[in-house]
Amino acid sequence: MVKAQVRTKHSEAAGERYQPVAHSAADEAKLFARPGFKQAYDALEEEFAALEALLEARRAAGLTQAQVAERMGTTASAISRLESSLSSEKHSPSFATLRRYAAACGKKLIISLA
């Protein structure tokens, strides 16, 4: 099922957790019926998996973007850009940046090829 998640500055600052609302089966069927949608969606599988790993590491550590930024010596907006960059083709973070992010969350970056 396709999920959408949006956090606002207000909700992040207030410590609120946005609960994503899943698309209905009918919504999903409409999306996947569009020409080229399934191929484009499948092509993003690796990026979404990487993004989910980053977000899960941050959640498991109980950290906000601002807290990760402080630990990395950067800004919350830089962390926001880093997290969003994995779901866009605008920028690819370096391994050094991903290592620092993982360390800030108390994790170790491990890359695997299947």
N, C-alpha and C. Protein backbone atom coordinates (compact mmCIF):
# COMPACT_ATOMS: atom_id res chain seq x y z
N MET A 1 0.84 -1.17 0.00
CA MET A 1 0.00 0.00 0.00
C MET A 1 0.89 1.24 0.00
N VAL A 2 0.57 2.25 -0.75
CA VAL A 2 1.33 3.48 -0.86
C VAL A 2 0.98 4.39 0.31
N LYS A 3 2.01 4.96 0.96
CA LYS A 3 1.75 5.86 2.08
C LYS A 3 2.39 7.20 1.79
N ALA A 4 1.78 8.24 2.27
CA ALA A 4 2.33 9.59 2.14
C ALA A 4 2.58 10.12 3.54
N GLN A 5 3.69 10.84 3.72
CA GLN A 5 3.99 11.39 5.03
C GLN A 5 4.51 12.80 4.88
N VAL A 6 3.95 13.71 5.62
CA VAL A 6 4.37 15.10 5.60
C VAL A 6 4.48 15.59 7.03
N ARG A 7 5.58 16.26 7.34
CA ARG A 7 5.72 16.88 8.65
C ARG A 7 5.85 18.37 8.45
N THR A 8 5.19 19.09 9.29
CA THR A 8 5.31 20.54 9.23
C THR A 8 6.30 20.99 10.28
N LYS A 9 6.82 22.21 10.12
CA LYS A 9 7.73 22.76 11.12
C LYS A 9 7.03 22.80 12.48
N HIS A 10 5.74 23.14 12.47
CA HIS A 10 5.00 23.22 13.72
C HIS A 10 4.92 21.86 14.40
N SER A 11 4.57 20.82 13.65
CA SER A 11 4.42 19.51 14.27
C SER A 11 5.75 18.97 14.75
N GLU A 12 6.82 19.21 13.99
CA GLU A 12 8.15 18.74 14.39
C GLU A 12 8.59 19.47 15.66
N ALA A 13 8.39 20.79 15.69
CA ALA A 13 8.80 21.59 16.84
C ALA A 13 7.99 21.22 18.08
N ALA A 14 6.74 20.91 17.88
CA ALA A 14 5.87 20.57 19.01
C ALA A 14 6.07 19.13 19.46
N GLY A 15 6.89 18.38 18.75
CA GLY A 15 7.13 17.00 19.10
C GLY A 15 6.01 16.07 18.70
N GLU A 16 5.10 16.56 17.88
CA GLU A 16 3.99 15.74 17.43
C GLU A 16 4.47 14.79 16.34
N ARG A 17 3.91 13.64 16.28
CA ARG A 17 4.25 12.70 15.23
C ARG A 17 3.10 12.66 14.24
N TYR A 18 3.42 12.92 13.00
CA TYR A 18 2.42 12.83 11.95
C TYR A 18 2.15 11.37 11.66
N GLN A 19 0.92 10.99 11.64
CA GLN A 19 0.54 9.62 11.32
C GLN A 19 0.11 9.59 9.86
N PRO A 20 0.90 8.95 8.99
CA PRO A 20 0.55 8.94 7.58
C PRO A 20 -0.77 8.23 7.34
N VAL A 21 -1.48 8.69 6.33
CA VAL A 21 -2.75 8.09 5.96
C VAL A 21 -2.51 7.29 4.68
N ALA A 22 -2.80 6.02 4.76
CA ALA A 22 -2.60 5.15 3.60
C ALA A 22 -3.64 5.46 2.54
N HIS A 23 -3.23 5.33 1.29
CA HIS A 23 -4.19 5.46 0.20
C HIS A 23 -5.14 4.28 0.27
N SER A 24 -6.34 4.49 -0.19
CA SER A 24 -7.29 3.39 -0.26
C SER A 24 -6.87 2.48 -1.41
N ALA A 25 -7.43 1.29 -1.45
CA ALA A 25 -7.15 0.36 -2.53
C ALA A 25 -7.56 0.97 -3.88
N ALA A 26 -8.64 1.73 -3.88
CA ALA A 26 -9.10 2.38 -5.12
C ALA A 26 -8.10 3.44 -5.57
N ASP A 27 -7.57 4.23 -4.61
CA ASP A 27 -6.56 5.24 -4.94
C ASP A 27 -5.32 4.58 -5.54
N GLU A 28 -4.90 3.51 -4.88
CA GLU A 28 -3.71 2.79 -5.34
C GLU A 28 -3.93 2.21 -6.73
N ALA A 29 -5.09 1.64 -6.96
CA ALA A 29 -5.40 1.06 -8.27
C ALA A 29 -5.34 2.12 -9.37
N LYS A 30 -5.88 3.32 -9.07
CA LYS A 30 -5.83 4.42 -10.05
C LYS A 30 -4.40 4.80 -10.37
N LEU A 31 -3.57 4.90 -9.34
CA LEU A 31 -2.17 5.28 -9.56
C LEU A 31 -1.45 4.25 -10.43
N PHE A 32 -1.60 2.98 -10.06
CA PHE A 32 -0.88 1.93 -10.79
C PHE A 32 -1.45 1.68 -12.18
N ALA A 33 -2.66 2.16 -12.45
CA ALA A 33 -3.25 2.02 -13.78
C ALA A 33 -2.67 3.04 -14.77
N ARG A 34 -2.06 4.10 -14.24
CA ARG A 34 -1.49 5.13 -15.11
C ARG A 34 -0.29 4.56 -15.87
N PRO A 35 -0.19 4.86 -17.16
CA PRO A 35 0.94 4.35 -17.96
C PRO A 35 2.28 4.79 -17.36
N GLY A 36 3.17 3.84 -17.17
CA GLY A 36 4.52 4.13 -16.70
C GLY A 36 4.65 4.29 -15.19
N PHE A 37 3.52 4.34 -14.46
CA PHE A 37 3.60 4.57 -13.02
C PHE A 37 4.31 3.43 -12.31
N LYS A 38 3.94 2.19 -12.60
CA LYS A 38 4.54 1.05 -11.91
C LYS A 38 6.04 1.00 -12.15
N GLN A 39 6.47 1.24 -13.37
CA GLN A 39 7.90 1.22 -13.67
C GLN A 39 8.63 2.32 -12.91
N ALA A 40 8.05 3.50 -12.87
CA ALA A 40 8.68 4.62 -12.14
C ALA A 40 8.70 4.34 -10.64
N TYR A 41 7.61 3.79 -10.13
CA TYR A 41 7.53 3.45 -8.71
C TYR A 41 8.56 2.40 -8.35
N ASP A 42 8.65 1.34 -9.14
CA ASP A 42 9.61 0.27 -8.88
C ASP A 42 11.05 0.77 -8.97
N ALA A 43 11.31 1.73 -9.85
CA ALA A 43 12.66 2.27 -10.01
C ALA A 43 13.12 3.02 -8.76
N LEU A 44 12.19 3.47 -7.95
CA LEU A 44 12.53 4.21 -6.74
C LEU A 44 12.66 3.33 -5.50
N GLU A 45 12.52 2.02 -5.66
CA GLU A 45 12.52 1.11 -4.52
C GLU A 45 13.78 1.25 -3.66
N GLU A 46 14.94 1.33 -4.27
CA GLU A 46 16.19 1.43 -3.50
C GLU A 46 16.27 2.75 -2.74
N GLU A 47 15.85 3.85 -3.38
CA GLU A 47 15.89 5.15 -2.72
C GLU A 47 14.94 5.18 -1.52
N PHE A 48 13.74 4.63 -1.70
CA PHE A 48 12.78 4.61 -0.60
C PHE A 48 13.27 3.71 0.53
N ALA A 49 13.93 2.61 0.20
CA ALA A 49 14.47 1.72 1.24
C ALA A 49 15.57 2.44 2.02
N ALA A 50 16.42 3.18 1.33
CA ALA A 50 17.49 3.92 2.01
C ALA A 50 16.90 5.01 2.89
N LEU A 51 15.92 5.73 2.38
CA LEU A 51 15.27 6.78 3.16
C LEU A 51 14.60 6.18 4.39
N GLU A 52 13.90 5.10 4.22
CA GLU A 52 13.23 4.46 5.35
C GLU A 52 14.25 4.01 6.39
N ALA A 53 15.41 3.52 5.96
CA ALA A 53 16.46 3.11 6.91
C ALA A 53 16.95 4.31 7.72
N LEU A 54 17.15 5.45 7.05
CA LEU A 54 17.58 6.66 7.77
C LEU A 54 16.53 7.10 8.78
N LEU A 55 15.30 7.19 8.32
CA LEU A 55 14.22 7.64 9.20
C LEU A 55 14.01 6.69 10.36
N GLU A 56 14.11 5.40 10.11
CA GLU A 56 13.94 4.42 11.17
C GLU A 56 15.07 4.52 12.19
N ALA A 57 16.30 4.76 11.73
CA ALA A 57 17.42 4.93 12.65
C ALA A 57 17.19 6.14 13.54
N ARG A 58 16.71 7.23 12.96
CA ARG A 58 16.45 8.45 13.74
C ARG A 58 15.32 8.22 14.73
N ARG A 59 14.25 7.56 14.28
CA ARG A 59 13.11 7.27 15.17
C ARG A 59 13.54 6.35 16.31
N ALA A 60 14.29 5.30 15.97
CA ALA A 60 14.74 4.33 16.99
C ALA A 60 15.61 5.01 18.05
N ALA A 61 16.37 6.01 17.63
CA ALA A 61 17.20 6.76 18.57
C ALA A 61 16.39 7.80 19.32
N GLY A 62 15.14 8.02 18.90
CA GLY A 62 14.27 8.99 19.55
C GLY A 62 14.73 10.43 19.33
N LEU A 63 15.29 10.69 18.15
CA LEU A 63 15.85 12.00 17.85
C LEU A 63 15.02 12.79 16.84
N THR A 64 15.03 14.09 16.98
CA THR A 64 14.45 14.97 15.98
C THR A 64 15.53 15.31 14.96
N GLN A 65 15.13 15.92 13.86
CA GLN A 65 16.11 16.37 12.88
C GLN A 65 17.08 17.36 13.52
N ALA A 66 16.59 18.22 14.39
CA ALA A 66 17.45 19.21 15.05
C ALA A 66 18.49 18.54 15.94
N GLN A 67 18.10 17.48 16.62
CA GLN A 67 19.05 16.78 17.49
C GLN A 67 20.11 16.05 16.68
N VAL A 68 19.72 15.44 15.57
CA VAL A 68 20.69 14.79 14.69
C VAL A 68 21.65 15.85 14.14
N ALA A 69 21.09 16.98 13.74
CA ALA A 69 21.91 18.07 13.21
C ALA A 69 22.93 18.53 14.23
N GLU A 70 22.51 18.70 15.47
CA GLU A 70 23.43 19.14 16.51
C GLU A 70 24.57 18.14 16.68
N ARG A 71 24.25 16.87 16.68
CA ARG A 71 25.27 15.83 16.83
C ARG A 71 26.23 15.78 15.64
N MET A 72 25.72 16.16 14.47
CA MET A 72 26.55 16.15 13.26
C MET A 72 27.27 17.48 13.04
N GLY A 73 26.92 18.49 13.83
CA GLY A 73 27.53 19.80 13.65
C GLY A 73 27.01 20.53 12.43
N THR A 74 25.73 20.35 12.16
CA THR A 74 25.11 21.01 11.00
C THR A 74 23.76 21.58 11.42
N THR A 75 22.94 21.93 10.46
CA THR A 75 21.64 22.53 10.76
C THR A 75 20.51 21.54 10.52
N ALA A 76 19.37 21.81 11.15
CA ALA A 76 18.19 20.96 10.95
C ALA A 76 17.74 21.00 9.49
N SER A 77 17.89 22.15 8.84
CA SER A 77 17.49 22.24 7.43
C SER A 77 18.40 21.36 6.56
N ALA A 78 19.67 21.22 6.94
CA ALA A 78 20.56 20.33 6.19
C ALA A 78 20.13 18.87 6.35
N ILE A 79 19.68 18.51 7.54
CA ILE A 79 19.20 17.14 7.77
C ILE A 79 17.91 16.91 6.99
N SER A 80 17.05 17.90 6.96
CA SER A 80 15.82 17.80 6.18
C SER A 80 16.15 17.59 4.70
N ARG A 81 17.11 18.36 4.19
CA ARG A 81 17.51 18.19 2.78
C ARG A 81 18.12 16.81 2.55
N LEU A 82 18.93 16.34 3.50
CA LEU A 82 19.54 15.02 3.37
C LEU A 82 18.46 13.95 3.30
N GLU A 83 17.51 14.01 4.22
CA GLU A 83 16.46 13.00 4.24
C GLU A 83 15.59 13.07 2.99
N SER A 84 15.32 14.25 2.51
CA SER A 84 14.48 14.37 1.31
C SER A 84 15.26 14.08 0.03
N SER A 85 16.58 14.20 0.08
CA SER A 85 17.39 13.99 -1.13
C SER A 85 17.31 12.55 -1.63
N LEU A 86 17.05 11.63 -0.74
CA LEU A 86 17.00 10.23 -1.15
C LEU A 86 15.75 9.89 -1.93
N SER A 87 14.76 10.75 -1.88
CA SER A 87 13.55 10.50 -2.66
C SER A 87 13.45 11.45 -3.85
N SER A 88 14.56 12.07 -4.19
CA SER A 88 14.60 12.94 -5.37
C SER A 88 15.93 12.72 -6.08
N GLU A 89 16.03 13.24 -7.26
CA GLU A 89 17.28 13.10 -8.01
C GLU A 89 18.12 14.36 -7.95
N LYS A 90 17.80 15.27 -7.01
CA LYS A 90 18.50 16.54 -6.92
C LYS A 90 19.93 16.39 -6.40
N HIS A 91 20.12 15.51 -5.45
CA HIS A 91 21.42 15.42 -4.79
C HIS A 91 21.59 14.03 -4.19
N SER A 92 22.78 13.51 -4.29
CA SER A 92 23.09 12.23 -3.65
C SER A 92 24.08 12.50 -2.53
N PRO A 93 23.73 12.15 -1.29
CA PRO A 93 24.64 12.40 -0.18
C PRO A 93 25.89 11.53 -0.29
N SER A 94 27.00 12.03 0.25
CA SER A 94 28.25 11.27 0.23
C SER A 94 28.21 10.17 1.28
N PHE A 95 29.10 9.20 1.14
CA PHE A 95 29.20 8.15 2.15
C PHE A 95 29.61 8.75 3.49
N ALA A 96 30.47 9.75 3.45
CA ALA A 96 30.91 10.40 4.70
C ALA A 96 29.71 11.01 5.42
N THR A 97 28.82 11.65 4.69
CA THR A 97 27.63 12.25 5.30
C THR A 97 26.72 11.17 5.87
N LEU A 98 26.53 10.10 5.12
CA LEU A 98 25.68 9.01 5.60
C LEU A 98 26.29 8.34 6.84
N ARG A 99 27.62 8.21 6.87
CA ARG A 99 28.29 7.66 8.05
C ARG A 99 28.06 8.56 9.27
N ARG A 100 28.19 9.87 9.08
CA ARG A 100 28.00 10.82 10.18
C ARG A 100 26.56 10.78 10.68
N TYR A 101 25.60 10.67 9.76
CA TYR A 101 24.19 10.58 10.13
C TYR A 101 23.97 9.31 10.96
N ALA A 102 24.49 8.19 10.47
CA ALA A 102 24.33 6.92 11.18
C ALA A 102 24.94 7.02 12.58
N ALA A 103 26.13 7.57 12.68
CA ALA A 103 26.80 7.71 13.98
C ALA A 103 25.99 8.61 14.92
N ALA A 104 25.41 9.68 14.39
CA ALA A 104 24.59 10.58 15.20
C ALA A 104 23.38 9.86 15.78
N CYS A 105 22.93 8.83 15.08
CA CYS A 105 21.77 8.04 15.54
C CYS A 105 22.20 6.80 16.33
N GLY A 106 23.51 6.69 16.59
CA GLY A 106 24.01 5.54 17.33
C GLY A 106 24.07 4.27 16.49
N LYS A 107 24.20 4.43 15.20
CA LYS A 107 24.22 3.30 14.27
C LYS A 107 25.52 3.29 13.48
N LYS A 108 25.72 2.24 12.72
CA LYS A 108 26.87 2.11 11.83
C LYS A 108 26.35 1.93 10.41
N LEU A 109 26.93 2.65 9.46
CA LEU A 109 26.51 2.53 8.06
C LEU A 109 27.07 1.23 7.49
N ILE A 110 26.17 0.41 6.97
CA ILE A 110 26.57 -0.86 6.33
C ILE A 110 25.90 -0.87 4.95
N ILE A 111 26.67 -1.08 3.92
CA ILE A 111 26.14 -1.12 2.56
C ILE A 111 26.24 -2.55 2.07
N SER A 112 25.17 -3.01 1.47
CA SER A 112 25.10 -4.39 1.02
C SER A 112 24.58 -4.43 -0.42
N LEU A 113 25.15 -5.28 -1.21
CA LEU A 113 24.66 -5.51 -2.57
C LEU A 113 24.03 -6.89 -2.62
N ALA A 114 22.83 -6.95 -3.18
CA ALA A 114 22.14 -8.24 -3.24
C ALA A 114 22.11 -8.74 -4.67
